[in-house]
All heavy atoms as atom14 arrays in JSON, in Angstrom:
{
  "sequence": "FGFERNGTQAEWALLHTRGVVSAQAHYWRGRVTITYDPNIVTEDTLRQ",
  "atom14_mask": [
    [1, 1, 1, 1, 1, 1, 1, 1, 1, 1, 1, 0, 0, 0],
    [1, 1, 1, 1, 0, 0, 0, 0, 0, 0, 0, 0, 0, 0],
    [1, 1, 1, 1, 1, 1, 1, 1, 1, 1, 1, 0, 0, 0],
    [1, 1, 1, 1, 1, 1, 1, 1, 1, 0, 0, 0, 0, 0],
    [1, 1, 1, 1, 1, 1, 1, 1, 1, 1, 1, 0, 0, 0],
    [1, 1, 1, 1, 1, 1, 1, 1, 0, 0, 0, 0, 0, 0],
    [1, 1, 1, 1, 0, 0, 0, 0, 0, 0, 0, 0, 0, 0],
    [1, 1, 1, 1, 1, 1, 1, 0, 0, 0, 0, 0, 0, 0],
    [1, 1, 1, 1, 1, 1, 1, 1, 1, 0, 0, 0, 0, 0],
    [1, 1, 1, 1, 1, 0, 0, 0, 0, 0, 0, 0, 0, 0],
    [1, 1, 1, 1, 1, 1, 1, 1, 1, 0, 0, 0, 0, 0],
    [1, 1, 1, 1, 1, 1, 1, 1, 1, 1, 1, 1, 1, 1],
    [1, 1, 1, 1, 1, 0, 0, 0, 0, 0, 0, 0, 0, 0],
    [1, 1, 1, 1, 1, 1, 1, 1, 0, 0, 0, 0, 0, 0],
    [1, 1, 1, 1, 1, 1, 1, 1, 0, 0, 0, 0, 0, 0],
    [1, 1, 1, 1, 1, 1, 1, 1, 1, 1, 0, 0, 0, 0],
    [1, 1, 1, 1, 1, 1, 1, 0, 0, 0, 0, 0, 0, 0],
    [1, 1, 1, 1, 1, 1, 1, 1, 1, 1, 1, 0, 0, 0],
    [1, 1, 1, 1, 0, 0, 0, 0, 0, 0, 0, 0, 0, 0],
    [1, 1, 1, 1, 1, 1, 1, 0, 0, 0, 0, 0, 0, 0],
    [1, 1, 1, 1, 1, 1, 1, 0, 0, 0, 0, 0, 0, 0],
    [1, 1, 1, 1, 1, 1, 0, 0, 0, 0, 0, 0, 0, 0],
    [1, 1, 1, 1, 1, 0, 0, 0, 0, 0, 0, 0, 0, 0],
    [1, 1, 1, 1, 1, 1, 1, 1, 1, 0, 0, 0, 0, 0],
    [1, 1, 1, 1, 1, 0, 0, 0, 0, 0, 0, 0, 0, 0],
    [1, 1, 1, 1, 1, 1, 1, 1, 1, 1, 0, 0, 0, 0],
    [1, 1, 1, 1, 1, 1, 1, 1, 1, 1, 1, 1, 0, 0],
    [1, 1, 1, 1, 1, 1, 1, 1, 1, 1, 1, 1, 1, 1],
    [1, 1, 1, 1, 1, 1, 1, 1, 1, 1, 1, 0, 0, 0],
    [1, 1, 1, 1, 0, 0, 0, 0, 0, 0, 0, 0, 0, 0],
    [1, 1, 1, 1, 1, 1, 1, 1, 1, 1, 1, 0, 0, 0],
    [1, 1, 1, 1, 1, 1, 1, 0, 0, 0, 0, 0, 0, 0],
    [1, 1, 1, 1, 1, 1, 1, 0, 0, 0, 0, 0, 0, 0],
    [1, 1, 1, 1, 1, 1, 1, 1, 0, 0, 0, 0, 0, 0],
    [1, 1, 1, 1, 1, 1, 1, 0, 0, 0, 0, 0, 0, 0],
    [1, 1, 1, 1, 1, 1, 1, 1, 1, 1, 1, 1, 0, 0],
    [1, 1, 1, 1, 1, 1, 1, 1, 0, 0, 0, 0, 0, 0],
    [1, 1, 1, 1, 1, 1, 1, 0, 0, 0, 0, 0, 0, 0],
    [1, 1, 1, 1, 1, 1, 1, 1, 0, 0, 0, 0, 0, 0],
    [1, 1, 1, 1, 1, 1, 1, 1, 0, 0, 0, 0, 0, 0],
    [1, 1, 1, 1, 1, 1, 1, 0, 0, 0, 0, 0, 0, 0],
    [1, 1, 1, 1, 1, 1, 1, 0, 0, 0, 0, 0, 0, 0],
    [1, 1, 1, 1, 1, 1, 1, 1, 1, 0, 0, 0, 0, 0],
    [1, 1, 1, 1, 1, 1, 1, 1, 0, 0, 0, 0, 0, 0],
    [1, 1, 1, 1, 1, 1, 1, 0, 0, 0, 0, 0, 0, 0],
    [1, 1, 1, 1, 1, 1, 1, 1, 0, 0, 0, 0, 0, 0],
    [1, 1, 1, 1, 1, 1, 1, 1, 1, 1, 1, 0, 0, 0],
    [1, 1, 1, 1, 1, 1, 1, 1, 1, 0, 0, 0, 0, 0]
  ],
  "atom14_positions": [
    [[15.27, 21.79, -7.8], [14.2, 20.92, -8.27], [14.22, 19.59, -7.52], [15.22, 19.19, -6.91], [14.34, 20.66, -9.77], [15.41, 19.64, -10.11], [15.07, 18.32, -10.36], [16.75, 20.0, -10.15], [16.04, 17.38, -10.65], [17.73, 19.07, -10.43], [17.37, 17.76, -10.7], [0.0, 0.0, 0.0], [0.0, 0.0, 0.0], [0.0, 0.0, 0.0]],
    [[13.1, 18.94, -7.58], [12.97, 17.6, -7.02], [11.76, 16.93, -7.63], [10.93, 17.57, -8.28], [0.0, 0.0, 0.0], [0.0, 0.0, 0.0], [0.0, 0.0, 0.0], [0.0, 0.0, 0.0], [0.0, 0.0, 0.0], [0.0, 0.0, 0.0], [0.0, 0.0, 0.0], [0.0, 0.0, 0.0], [0.0, 0.0, 0.0], [0.0, 0.0, 0.0]],
    [[11.65, 15.63, -7.43], [10.49, 14.87, -7.87], [10.0, 14.09, -6.66], [10.74, 13.29, -6.07], [10.84, 13.95, -9.03], [11.16, 14.7, -10.29], [12.46, 15.11, -10.56], [10.15, 15.02, -11.18], [12.74, 15.82, -11.71], [10.43, 15.73, -12.34], [11.73, 16.13, -12.61], [0.0, 0.0, 0.0], [0.0, 0.0, 0.0], [0.0, 0.0, 0.0]],
    [[8.75, 14.33, -6.29], [8.23, 13.79, -5.04], [6.93, 13.03, -5.27], [6.23, 13.25, -6.25], [7.97, 14.92, -4.04], [9.19, 15.76, -3.72], [8.88, 16.86, -2.74], [7.73, 17.37, -2.76], [9.76, 17.22, -1.96], [0.0, 0.0, 0.0], [0.0, 0.0, 0.0], [0.0, 0.0, 0.0], [0.0, 0.0, 0.0], [0.0, 0.0, 0.0]],
    [[6.64, 12.18, -4.34], [5.35, 11.5, -4.3], [4.84, 11.57, -2.87], [5.53, 11.15, -1.94], [5.45, 10.05, -4.75], [4.11, 9.31, -4.65], [4.2, 7.89, -5.15], [2.94, 7.18, -4.96], [1.93, 7.22, -5.8], [2.01, 7.93, -6.9], [0.82, 6.55, -5.56], [0.0, 0.0, 0.0], [0.0, 0.0, 0.0], [0.0, 0.0, 0.0]],
    [[3.64, 12.09, -2.7], [3.01, 12.15, -1.39], [1.99, 11.04, -1.29], [1.06, 10.96, -2.11], [2.34, 13.52, -1.17], [3.36, 14.63, -1.09], [4.38, 14.48, -0.44], [3.1, 15.74, -1.75], [0.0, 0.0, 0.0], [0.0, 0.0, 0.0], [0.0, 0.0, 0.0], [0.0, 0.0, 0.0], [0.0, 0.0, 0.0], [0.0, 0.0, 0.0]],
    [[2.17, 10.18, -0.33], [1.3, 9.02, -0.17], [-0.07, 9.4, 0.33], [-0.26, 10.39, 1.03], [0.0, 0.0, 0.0], [0.0, 0.0, 0.0], [0.0, 0.0, 0.0], [0.0, 0.0, 0.0], [0.0, 0.0, 0.0], [0.0, 0.0, 0.0], [0.0, 0.0, 0.0], [0.0, 0.0, 0.0], [0.0, 0.0, 0.0], [0.0, 0.0, 0.0]],
    [[-1.07, 8.61, -0.05], [-2.43, 8.81, 0.41], [-2.63, 8.09, 1.74], [-1.77, 7.34, 2.21], [-3.43, 8.27, -0.61], [-3.22, 6.85, -0.74], [-3.21, 8.92, -1.98], [0.0, 0.0, 0.0], [0.0, 0.0, 0.0], [0.0, 0.0, 0.0], [0.0, 0.0, 0.0], [0.0, 0.0, 0.0], [0.0, 0.0, 0.0], [0.0, 0.0, 0.0]],
    [[-3.79, 8.32, 2.35], [-4.06, 7.69, 3.64], [-4.1, 6.18, 3.52], [-3.61, 5.46, 4.4], [-5.39, 8.21, 4.19], [-5.68, 7.78, 5.62], [-6.91, 8.45, 6.18], [-7.53, 9.27, 5.52], [-7.27, 8.11, 7.39], [0.0, 0.0, 0.0], [0.0, 0.0, 0.0], [0.0, 0.0, 0.0], [0.0, 0.0, 0.0], [0.0, 0.0, 0.0]],
    [[-4.66, 5.69, 2.42], [-4.71, 4.24, 2.23], [-3.3, 3.67, 2.04], [-2.96, 2.61, 2.59], [-5.58, 3.9, 1.02], [0.0, 0.0, 0.0], [0.0, 0.0, 0.0], [0.0, 0.0, 0.0], [0.0, 0.0, 0.0], [0.0, 0.0, 0.0], [0.0, 0.0, 0.0], [0.0, 0.0, 0.0], [0.0, 0.0, 0.0], [0.0, 0.0, 0.0]],
    [[-2.47, 4.38, 1.27], [-1.1, 3.92, 1.06], [-0.31, 3.94, 2.36], [0.48, 3.04, 2.64], [-0.43, 4.8, 0.01], [-1.0, 4.61, -1.38], [-0.48, 5.65, -2.36], [0.06, 6.67, -1.91], [-0.62, 5.44, -3.57], [0.0, 0.0, 0.0], [0.0, 0.0, 0.0], [0.0, 0.0, 0.0], [0.0, 0.0, 0.0], [0.0, 0.0, 0.0]],
    [[-0.52, 4.98, 3.16], [0.18, 5.07, 4.44], [-0.21, 3.92, 5.35], [0.62, 3.33, 6.04], [-0.13, 6.42, 5.07], [0.3, 6.59, 6.49], [-0.47, 7.03, 7.52], [1.6, 6.35, 7.06], [0.25, 7.08, 8.68], [1.52, 6.67, 8.43], [2.8, 5.89, 6.54], [2.62, 6.55, 9.27], [3.89, 5.77, 7.39], [3.78, 6.1, 8.73]],
    [[-1.49, 3.57, 5.37], [-1.94, 2.47, 6.22], [-1.28, 1.16, 5.83], [-1.01, 0.3, 6.68], [-3.47, 2.34, 6.13], [0.0, 0.0, 0.0], [0.0, 0.0, 0.0], [0.0, 0.0, 0.0], [0.0, 0.0, 0.0], [0.0, 0.0, 0.0], [0.0, 0.0, 0.0], [0.0, 0.0, 0.0], [0.0, 0.0, 0.0], [0.0, 0.0, 0.0]],
    [[-0.98, 1.0, 4.54], [-0.37, -0.25, 4.08], [1.14, -0.24, 4.2], [1.75, -1.24, 4.58], [-0.78, -0.51, 2.62], [-2.26, -0.8, 2.38], [-2.58, -0.73, 0.91], [-2.63, -2.17, 2.96], [0.0, 0.0, 0.0], [0.0, 0.0, 0.0], [0.0, 0.0, 0.0], [0.0, 0.0, 0.0], [0.0, 0.0, 0.0], [0.0, 0.0, 0.0]],
    [[1.76, 0.89, 3.87], [3.22, 0.94, 3.81], [3.87, 0.85, 5.18], [5.05, 0.51, 5.28], [3.66, 2.22, 3.1], [3.38, 2.26, 1.59], [3.69, 3.63, 1.02], [4.22, 1.2, 0.88], [0.0, 0.0, 0.0], [0.0, 0.0, 0.0], [0.0, 0.0, 0.0], [0.0, 0.0, 0.0], [0.0, 0.0, 0.0], [0.0, 0.0, 0.0]],
    [[3.13, 1.18, 6.25], [3.74, 1.03, 7.57], [3.56, -0.39, 8.1], [3.96, -0.7, 9.22], [3.15, 2.06, 8.55], [1.89, 1.61, 9.22], [0.68, 1.65, 8.6], [1.68, 1.11, 10.46], [-0.25, 1.19, 9.44], [0.33, 0.86, 10.57], [0.0, 0.0, 0.0], [0.0, 0.0, 0.0], [0.0, 0.0, 0.0], [0.0, 0.0, 0.0]],
    [[2.96, -1.27, 7.28], [2.75, -2.66, 7.67], [3.93, -3.5, 7.2], [4.32, -3.44, 6.02], [1.45, -3.2, 7.05], [0.36, -2.36, 7.43], [1.18, -4.62, 7.51], [0.0, 0.0, 0.0], [0.0, 0.0, 0.0], [0.0, 0.0, 0.0], [0.0, 0.0, 0.0], [0.0, 0.0, 0.0], [0.0, 0.0, 0.0], [0.0, 0.0, 0.0]],
    [[4.49, -4.26, 8.09], [5.62, -5.1, 7.73], [5.21, -6.13, 6.7], [4.16, -6.78, 6.81], [6.18, -5.79, 8.98], [7.33, -6.73, 8.67], [8.08, -7.17, 9.92], [9.07, -8.19, 9.61], [10.24, -7.95, 9.02], [10.55, -6.71, 8.66], [11.08, -8.93, 8.77], [0.0, 0.0, 0.0], [0.0, 0.0, 0.0], [0.0, 0.0, 0.0]],
    [[6.04, -6.3, 5.67], [5.77, -7.26, 4.61], [5.25, -6.61, 3.34], [5.25, -7.25, 2.28], [0.0, 0.0, 0.0], [0.0, 0.0, 0.0], [0.0, 0.0, 0.0], [0.0, 0.0, 0.0], [0.0, 0.0, 0.0], [0.0, 0.0, 0.0], [0.0, 0.0, 0.0], [0.0, 0.0, 0.0], [0.0, 0.0, 0.0], [0.0, 0.0, 0.0]],
    [[4.83, -5.34, 3.42], [4.35, -4.63, 2.24], [5.52, -3.95, 1.56], [6.24, -3.16, 2.17], [3.27, -3.59, 2.61], [2.88, -2.77, 1.4], [2.05, -4.3, 3.21], [0.0, 0.0, 0.0], [0.0, 0.0, 0.0], [0.0, 0.0, 0.0], [0.0, 0.0, 0.0], [0.0, 0.0, 0.0], [0.0, 0.0, 0.0], [0.0, 0.0, 0.0]],
    [[5.71, -4.26, 0.29], [6.81, -3.68, -0.48], [6.4, -2.36, -1.11], [7.14, -1.37, -1.06], [7.29, -4.66, -1.57], [8.42, -4.04, -2.39], [7.74, -5.98, -0.93], [0.0, 0.0, 0.0], [0.0, 0.0, 0.0], [0.0, 0.0, 0.0], [0.0, 0.0, 0.0], [0.0, 0.0, 0.0], [0.0, 0.0, 0.0], [0.0, 0.0, 0.0]],
    [[5.21, -2.3, -1.7], [4.73, -1.07, -2.33], [3.21, -1.08, -2.31], [2.57, -2.13, -2.23], [5.25, -0.93, -3.76], [4.71, -1.97, -4.58], [0.0, 0.0, 0.0], [0.0, 0.0, 0.0], [0.0, 0.0, 0.0], [0.0, 0.0, 0.0], [0.0, 0.0, 0.0], [0.0, 0.0, 0.0], [0.0, 0.0, 0.0], [0.0, 0.0, 0.0]],
    [[2.64, 0.13, -2.4], [1.19, 0.28, -2.45], [0.87, 1.55, -3.21], [1.46, 2.6, -2.96], [0.59, 0.34, -1.05], [0.0, 0.0, 0.0], [0.0, 0.0, 0.0], [0.0, 0.0, 0.0], [0.0, 0.0, 0.0], [0.0, 0.0, 0.0], [0.0, 0.0, 0.0], [0.0, 0.0, 0.0], [0.0, 0.0, 0.0], [0.0, 0.0, 0.0]],
    [[-0.05, 1.45, -4.16], [-0.45, 2.61, -4.95], [-1.96, 2.62, -5.06], [-2.58, 1.69, -5.57], [0.19, 2.57, -6.34], [-0.07, 3.83, -7.15], [0.74, 3.88, -8.43], [1.42, 2.91, -8.78], [0.69, 5.0, -9.13], [0.0, 0.0, 0.0], [0.0, 0.0, 0.0], [0.0, 0.0, 0.0], [0.0, 0.0, 0.0], [0.0, 0.0, 0.0]],
    [[-2.59, 3.72, -4.56], [-4.04, 3.83, -4.55], [-4.53, 4.61, -5.75], [-3.93, 5.61, -6.15], [-4.5, 4.51, -3.26], [0.0, 0.0, 0.0], [0.0, 0.0, 0.0], [0.0, 0.0, 0.0], [0.0, 0.0, 0.0], [0.0, 0.0, 0.0], [0.0, 0.0, 0.0], [0.0, 0.0, 0.0], [0.0, 0.0, 0.0], [0.0, 0.0, 0.0]],
    [[-5.64, 4.15, -6.34], [-6.31, 4.84, -7.44], [-7.73, 5.12, -6.96], [-8.61, 4.26, -7.04], [-6.34, 3.96, -8.7], [-4.99, 3.45, -9.09], [-4.11, 4.17, -9.87], [-4.35, 2.28, -8.8], [-3.0, 3.47, -10.06], [-3.12, 2.32, -9.42], [0.0, 0.0, 0.0], [0.0, 0.0, 0.0], [0.0, 0.0, 0.0], [0.0, 0.0, 0.0]],
    [[-7.95, 6.35, -6.46], [-9.24, 6.65, -5.84], [-10.37, 6.7, -6.87], [-11.5, 6.32, -6.58], [-9.15, 7.98, -5.09], [-8.43, 7.84, -3.77], [-7.1, 8.17, -3.64], [-9.1, 7.34, -2.66], [-6.44, 8.02, -2.44], [-8.46, 7.19, -1.45], [-7.13, 7.53, -1.34], [-6.49, 7.38, -0.15], [0.0, 0.0, 0.0], [0.0, 0.0, 0.0]],
    [[-10.07, 7.17, -8.07], [-11.12, 7.25, -9.08], [-11.63, 5.86, -9.46], [-12.82, 5.65, -9.66], [-10.59, 8.0, -10.3], [-11.6, 8.13, -11.4], [-11.73, 7.35, -12.5], [-12.64, 9.11, -11.49], [-12.77, 7.78, -13.28], [-13.36, 8.86, -12.67], [-13.05, 10.17, -10.68], [-14.44, 9.63, -13.07], [-14.13, 10.95, -11.08], [-14.81, 10.67, -12.26]],
    [[-10.69, 4.93, -9.55], [-11.07, 3.56, -9.9], [-11.49, 2.74, -8.69], [-12.02, 1.63, -8.85], [-9.9, 2.86, -10.59], [-9.42, 3.55, -11.87], [-8.19, 2.86, -12.42], [-7.67, 3.53, -13.61], [-6.55, 3.2, -14.22], [-5.83, 2.17, -13.77], [-6.16, 3.87, -15.29], [0.0, 0.0, 0.0], [0.0, 0.0, 0.0], [0.0, 0.0, 0.0]],
    [[-11.27, 3.25, -7.5], [-11.59, 2.49, -6.3], [-10.73, 1.27, -6.14], [-11.2, 0.2, -5.75], [0.0, 0.0, 0.0], [0.0, 0.0, 0.0], [0.0, 0.0, 0.0], [0.0, 0.0, 0.0], [0.0, 0.0, 0.0], [0.0, 0.0, 0.0], [0.0, 0.0, 0.0], [0.0, 0.0, 0.0], [0.0, 0.0, 0.0], [0.0, 0.0, 0.0]],
    [[-9.43, 1.41, -6.46], [-8.54, 0.25, -6.46], [-7.22, 0.62, -5.8], [-6.76, 1.76, -5.88], [-8.28, -0.18, -7.9], [-7.34, -1.37, -8.04], [-6.93, -1.55, -9.49], [-8.07, -1.66, -10.39], [-8.0, -1.6, -11.71], [-6.82, -1.41, -12.29], [-9.07, -1.69, -12.46], [0.0, 0.0, 0.0], [0.0, 0.0, 0.0], [0.0, 0.0, 0.0]],
    [[-6.6, -0.33, -5.13], [-5.27, -0.15, -4.58], [-4.42, -1.36, -4.99], [-4.84, -2.5, -4.86], [-5.29, 0.01, -3.04], [-5.94, -1.18, -2.37], [-3.89, 0.22, -2.5], [0.0, 0.0, 0.0], [0.0, 0.0, 0.0], [0.0, 0.0, 0.0], [0.0, 0.0, 0.0], [0.0, 0.0, 0.0], [0.0, 0.0, 0.0], [0.0, 0.0, 0.0]],
    [[-3.26, -1.08, -5.56], [-2.34, -2.13, -6.01], [-1.27, -2.33, -4.95], [-0.56, -1.38, -4.6], [-1.7, -1.74, -7.35], [-2.73, -1.49, -8.31], [-0.8, -2.85, -7.86], [0.0, 0.0, 0.0], [0.0, 0.0, 0.0], [0.0, 0.0, 0.0], [0.0, 0.0, 0.0], [0.0, 0.0, 0.0], [0.0, 0.0, 0.0], [0.0, 0.0, 0.0]],
    [[-1.13, -3.55, -4.45], [-0.23, -3.85, -3.33], [0.75, -4.93, -3.75], [0.36, -5.97, -4.3], [-1.01, -4.32, -2.09], [-2.17, -3.37, -1.77], [-0.09, -4.47, -0.89], [-3.11, -3.91, -0.71], [0.0, 0.0, 0.0], [0.0, 0.0, 0.0], [0.0, 0.0, 0.0], [0.0, 0.0, 0.0], [0.0, 0.0, 0.0], [0.0, 0.0, 0.0]],
    [[2.02, -4.69, -3.48], [3.05, -5.72, -3.63], [3.53, -6.09, -2.23], [3.99, -5.22, -1.48], [4.23, -5.19, -4.46], [3.75, -4.74, -5.74], [5.26, -6.28, -4.67], [0.0, 0.0, 0.0], [0.0, 0.0, 0.0], [0.0, 0.0, 0.0], [0.0, 0.0, 0.0], [0.0, 0.0, 0.0], [0.0, 0.0, 0.0], [0.0, 0.0, 0.0]],
    [[3.4, -7.36, -1.85], [3.72, -7.76, -0.48], [4.31, -9.17, -0.46], [4.22, -9.93, -1.43], [2.48, -7.69, 0.4], [1.38, -8.67, 0.04], [1.28, -9.89, 0.7], [0.46, -8.38, -0.96], [0.28, -10.79, 0.38], [-0.53, -9.27, -1.3], [-0.62, -10.48, -0.62], [-1.61, -11.38, -0.95], [0.0, 0.0, 0.0], [0.0, 0.0, 0.0]],
    [[4.92, -9.49, 0.67], [5.52, -10.81, 0.88], [4.52, -11.67, 1.64], [4.23, -11.42, 2.82], [6.81, -10.67, 1.68], [7.56, -11.98, 1.81], [6.97, -13.04, 1.51], [8.76, -11.95, 2.2], [0.0, 0.0, 0.0], [0.0, 0.0, 0.0], [0.0, 0.0, 0.0], [0.0, 0.0, 0.0], [0.0, 0.0, 0.0], [0.0, 0.0, 0.0]],
    [[3.92, -12.69, 1.01], [2.9, -13.52, 1.68], [3.46, -14.33, 2.84], [2.68, -14.84, 3.66], [2.39, -14.43, 0.55], [3.51, -14.48, -0.44], [4.18, -13.15, -0.38], [0.0, 0.0, 0.0], [0.0, 0.0, 0.0], [0.0, 0.0, 0.0], [0.0, 0.0, 0.0], [0.0, 0.0, 0.0], [0.0, 0.0, 0.0], [0.0, 0.0, 0.0]],
    [[4.78, -14.45, 2.92], [5.37, -15.18, 4.05], [5.4, -14.31, 5.32], [5.63, -14.84, 6.42], [6.8, -15.61, 3.7], [6.84, -16.61, 2.55], [5.98, -17.49, 2.47], [7.8, -16.45, 1.65], [0.0, 0.0, 0.0], [0.0, 0.0, 0.0], [0.0, 0.0, 0.0], [0.0, 0.0, 0.0], [0.0, 0.0, 0.0], [0.0, 0.0, 0.0]],
    [[5.19, -13.02, 5.17], [5.24, -12.12, 6.32], [3.87, -11.57, 6.68], [3.51, -11.5, 7.86], [6.21, -10.94, 6.03], [7.61, -11.49, 5.75], [6.24, -9.96, 7.2], [8.62, -10.4, 5.38], [0.0, 0.0, 0.0], [0.0, 0.0, 0.0], [0.0, 0.0, 0.0], [0.0, 0.0, 0.0], [0.0, 0.0, 0.0], [0.0, 0.0, 0.0]],
    [[3.08, -11.21, 5.68], [1.77, -10.61, 5.93], [0.72, -11.31, 5.07], [1.0, -11.73, 3.94], [1.8, -9.09, 5.61], [2.12, -8.83, 4.15], [0.49, -8.41, 6.01], [0.0, 0.0, 0.0], [0.0, 0.0, 0.0], [0.0, 0.0, 0.0], [0.0, 0.0, 0.0], [0.0, 0.0, 0.0], [0.0, 0.0, 0.0], [0.0, 0.0, 0.0]],
    [[-0.46, -11.49, 5.63], [-1.54, -12.17, 4.92], [-2.48, -11.17, 4.27], [-2.5, -9.98, 4.6], [-2.35, -13.06, 5.89], [-3.0, -12.21, 6.86], [-1.44, -14.04, 6.61], [0.0, 0.0, 0.0], [0.0, 0.0, 0.0], [0.0, 0.0, 0.0], [0.0, 0.0, 0.0], [0.0, 0.0, 0.0], [0.0, 0.0, 0.0], [0.0, 0.0, 0.0]],
    [[-3.28, -11.68, 3.34], [-4.26, -10.82, 2.66], [-5.31, -10.3, 3.63], [-5.78, -9.17, 3.52], [-4.92, -11.61, 1.53], [-5.87, -10.77, 0.69], [-6.43, -11.55, -0.49], [-5.74, -12.47, -0.96], [-7.55, -11.21, -0.94], [0.0, 0.0, 0.0], [0.0, 0.0, 0.0], [0.0, 0.0, 0.0], [0.0, 0.0, 0.0], [0.0, 0.0, 0.0]],
    [[-5.69, -11.14, 4.61], [-6.67, -10.71, 5.6], [-6.15, -9.52, 6.42], [-6.9, -8.6, 6.75], [-7.03, -11.87, 6.53], [-7.83, -12.95, 5.81], [-8.45, -12.63, 4.77], [-7.83, -14.11, 6.29], [0.0, 0.0, 0.0], [0.0, 0.0, 0.0], [0.0, 0.0, 0.0], [0.0, 0.0, 0.0], [0.0, 0.0, 0.0], [0.0, 0.0, 0.0]],
    [[-4.85, -9.54, 6.73], [-4.25, -8.43, 7.47], [-4.3, -7.15, 6.65], [-4.6, -6.06, 7.17], [-2.81, -8.76, 7.85], [-2.78, -9.93, 8.65], [-2.17, -7.61, 8.62], [0.0, 0.0, 0.0], [0.0, 0.0, 0.0], [0.0, 0.0, 0.0], [0.0, 0.0, 0.0], [0.0, 0.0, 0.0], [0.0, 0.0, 0.0], [0.0, 0.0, 0.0]],
    [[-4.02, -7.25, 5.37], [-4.06, -6.08, 4.5], [-5.47, -5.52, 4.39], [-5.68, -4.3, 4.39], [-3.52, -6.43, 3.11], [-2.06, -6.89, 3.05], [-1.68, -7.26, 1.62], [-1.14, -5.8, 3.58], [0.0, 0.0, 0.0], [0.0, 0.0, 0.0], [0.0, 0.0, 0.0], [0.0, 0.0, 0.0], [0.0, 0.0, 0.0], [0.0, 0.0, 0.0]],
    [[-6.45, -6.42, 4.29], [-7.84, -5.97, 4.25], [-8.22, -5.25, 5.53], [-8.93, -4.22, 5.5], [-8.77, -7.17, 4.02], [-8.66, -7.78, 2.62], [-9.58, -8.98, 2.46], [-9.55, -9.52, 1.12], [-10.31, -9.08, 0.12], [-11.2, -8.13, 0.35], [-10.21, -9.62, -1.07], [0.0, 0.0, 0.0], [0.0, 0.0, 0.0], [0.0, 0.0, 0.0]],
    [[-7.74, -5.74, 6.64], [-8.06, -5.12, 7.92], [-7.4, -3.76, 8.04], [-8.0, -2.81, 8.57], [-7.61, -6.03, 9.07], [-8.03, -5.54, 10.45], [-9.53, -5.43, 10.6], [-10.26, -6.34, 10.22], [-9.99, -4.3, 11.12], [0.0, 0.0, 0.0], [0.0, 0.0, 0.0], [0.0, 0.0, 0.0], [0.0, 0.0, 0.0], [0.0, 0.0, 0.0]]
  ]
}
């Protein structure tokens, strides 16, 4: 047995960015929750 999580395309785009701690996408709600370090990455970079 195991417990796994497969990341979505939006999560993958964010998680490979330096400064992002976690990212969880909710496609039904059209929302993505991001935890990041503002000293390393800016909000504009995440939007891009």
